[in-house]
Structures are given as structure tokens and as C-alpha cells.
Amino acid sequence: MAPIPPPPAEPEDDPEAYLGLAADEAERRARERGWSTVRSLAPGTVITMEYRFGRLNFEVEDGTVRRSWKG
């Protein structure tokens, strides 16, 4: 059986650094810092709980990032 490859590396970045930023500015910065996927969600959006390496999630309310987390 073939070995399972290691997951890709994630940027060394603090998700809390995006709190309070405008959503478009936060997404631009996240991509510049190496996040392969950036996802903006409305408060209360139903999402699956799988962890995806390289993904940064933003909860956006009134155009501002209120919460940010990896995966």
C-alpha cells in the first residue's frame, strides 16, 4: 500500500490578525500571506466540520471580519 502523503504546509499566520478588517482587504492579505483558500461566510452559515489545510475562514458581518479560523 502506498504511504499517505503529508498534508501541505500552512502559512505561519495568526487568524486573529484579520479581525476588524474589511472583508476584501482581509482576503487580499490572506492570499498574499500564502493561504490557498479563503472563505467568507455570513454569521450563522451552516458548514461542514472537515479540516482543510491551507484554508482560512472569515465570518463577515456588515463587510467586516468578525471571526477568523483555520481549516
C-alpha atoms as a PDB file:
ATOM      1  CA  MET A   1       0.000   0.000   0.000  1.00  0.00           C
ATOM      2  CA  ALA A   2       1.281   3.477  -0.858  1.00  0.00           C
ATOM      3  CA  PRO A   3       2.167   5.799   2.014  1.00  0.00           C
ATOM      4  CA  ILE A   4      -0.178   8.653   2.816  1.00  0.00           C
ATOM      5  CA  PRO A   5       1.455  11.933   1.773  1.00  0.00           C
ATOM      6  CA  PRO A   6       1.905  14.578   4.453  1.00  0.00           C
ATOM      7  CA  PRO A   7      -0.527  17.496   4.375  1.00  0.00           C
ATOM      8  CA  PRO A   8       0.668  20.704   2.736  1.00  0.00           C
ATOM      9  CA  ALA A   9       2.199  23.338   4.970  1.00  0.00           C
ATOM     10  CA  GLU A  10       0.058  26.199   6.171  1.00  0.00           C
ATOM     11  CA  PRO A  11       1.246  29.785   6.367  1.00  0.00           C
ATOM     12  CA  GLU A  12       2.593  30.862   9.742  1.00  0.00           C
ATOM     13  CA  ASP A  13      -0.092  33.450  10.224  1.00  0.00           C
ATOM     14  CA  ASP A  14      -2.375  34.412  13.110  1.00  0.00           C
ATOM     15  CA  PRO A  15      -6.054  34.263  12.101  1.00  0.00           C
ATOM     16  CA  GLU A  16      -6.878  36.887  14.723  1.00  0.00           C
ATOM     17  CA  ALA A  17      -4.806  39.428  12.773  1.00  0.00           C
ATOM     18  CA  TYR A  18      -7.728  39.729  10.332  1.00  0.00           C
ATOM     19  CA  LEU A  19     -10.388  40.710  12.887  1.00  0.00           C
ATOM     20  CA  GLY A  20     -11.873  44.118  12.237  1.00  0.00           C
ATOM     21  CA  LEU A  21     -10.588  44.363   8.662  1.00  0.00           C
ATOM     22  CA  ALA A  22     -12.846  44.938   5.673  1.00  0.00           C
ATOM     23  CA  ALA A  23     -13.598  41.570   4.072  1.00  0.00           C
ATOM     24  CA  ASP A  24     -11.949  42.393   0.728  1.00  0.00           C
ATOM     25  CA  GLU A  25      -8.784  43.688   2.437  1.00  0.00           C
ATOM     26  CA  ALA A  26      -8.633  40.619   4.698  1.00  0.00           C
ATOM     27  CA  GLU A  27      -8.968  38.275   1.720  1.00  0.00           C
ATOM     28  CA  ARG A  28      -6.239  40.111  -0.210  1.00  0.00           C
ATOM     29  CA  ARG A  29      -3.844  39.936   2.749  1.00  0.00           C
ATOM     30  CA  ALA A  30      -4.600  36.271   3.384  1.00  0.00           C
ATOM     31  CA  ARG A  31      -3.813  35.332  -0.217  1.00  0.00           C
ATOM     32  CA  GLU A  32      -0.605  37.402  -0.132  1.00  0.00           C
ATOM     33  CA  ARG A  33       0.439  35.526   3.009  1.00  0.00           C
ATOM     34  CA  GLY A  34       0.013  32.154   1.316  1.00  0.00           C
ATOM     35  CA  TRP A  35      -3.472  30.882   2.122  1.00  0.00           C
ATOM     36  CA  SER A  36      -4.608  28.764  -0.829  1.00  0.00           C
ATOM     37  CA  THR A  37      -8.312  29.060   0.006  1.00  0.00           C
ATOM     38  CA  VAL A  38     -10.059  31.971   1.692  1.00  0.00           C
ATOM     39  CA  ARG A  39     -13.730  31.558   2.530  1.00  0.00           C
ATOM     40  CA  SER A  40     -16.082  34.343   3.675  1.00  0.00           C
ATOM     41  CA  LEU A  41     -19.223  33.289   5.497  1.00  0.00           C
ATOM     42  CA  ALA A  42     -22.228  35.132   6.860  1.00  0.00           C
ATOM     43  CA  PRO A  43     -22.918  34.742  10.599  1.00  0.00           C
ATOM     44  CA  GLY A  44     -24.771  31.507  11.314  1.00  0.00           C
ATOM     45  CA  THR A  45     -23.918  29.880   7.976  1.00  0.00           C
ATOM     46  CA  VAL A  46     -24.160  26.089   8.206  1.00  0.00           C
ATOM     47  CA  ILE A  47     -20.828  24.500   7.212  1.00  0.00           C
ATOM     48  CA  THR A  48     -19.259  21.056   7.387  1.00  0.00           C
ATOM     49  CA  MET A  49     -16.589  20.467  10.011  1.00  0.00           C
ATOM     50  CA  GLU A  50     -13.841  18.893   7.875  1.00  0.00           C
ATOM     51  CA  TYR A  51     -10.424  20.465   8.273  1.00  0.00           C
ATOM     52  CA  ARG A  52      -8.804  21.665   5.045  1.00  0.00           C
ATOM     53  CA  PHE A  53      -5.126  22.531   5.164  1.00  0.00           C
ATOM     54  CA  GLY A  54      -4.402  25.926   3.662  1.00  0.00           C
ATOM     55  CA  ARG A  55      -7.932  27.277   4.138  1.00  0.00           C
ATOM     56  CA  LEU A  56      -8.727  30.401   6.153  1.00  0.00           C
ATOM     57  CA  ASN A  57     -12.345  31.097   7.083  1.00  0.00           C
ATOM     58  CA  PHE A  58     -13.828  34.508   7.787  1.00  0.00           C
ATOM     59  CA  GLU A  59     -17.180  35.228   9.366  1.00  0.00           C
ATOM     60  CA  VAL A  60     -18.180  38.540   7.814  1.00  0.00           C
ATOM     61  CA  GLU A  61     -20.877  40.849   9.135  1.00  0.00           C
ATOM     62  CA  ASP A  62     -21.612  44.247   7.560  1.00  0.00           C
ATOM     63  CA  GLY A  63     -18.492  43.875   5.388  1.00  0.00           C
ATOM     64  CA  THR A  64     -16.153  43.398   8.376  1.00  0.00           C
ATOM     65  CA  VAL A  65     -14.370  40.251   9.573  1.00  0.00           C
ATOM     66  CA  ARG A  66     -15.816  39.379  12.998  1.00  0.00           C
ATOM     67  CA  ARG A  67     -14.262  35.914  13.366  1.00  0.00           C
ATOM     68  CA  SER A  68     -11.401  34.072  11.652  1.00  0.00           C
ATOM     69  CA  TRP A  69     -10.189  30.467  11.894  1.00  0.00           C
ATOM     70  CA  LYS A  70      -8.082  27.897  10.068  1.00  0.00           C
ATOM     71  CA  GLY A  71      -9.458  24.914   8.254  1.00  0.00           C
END
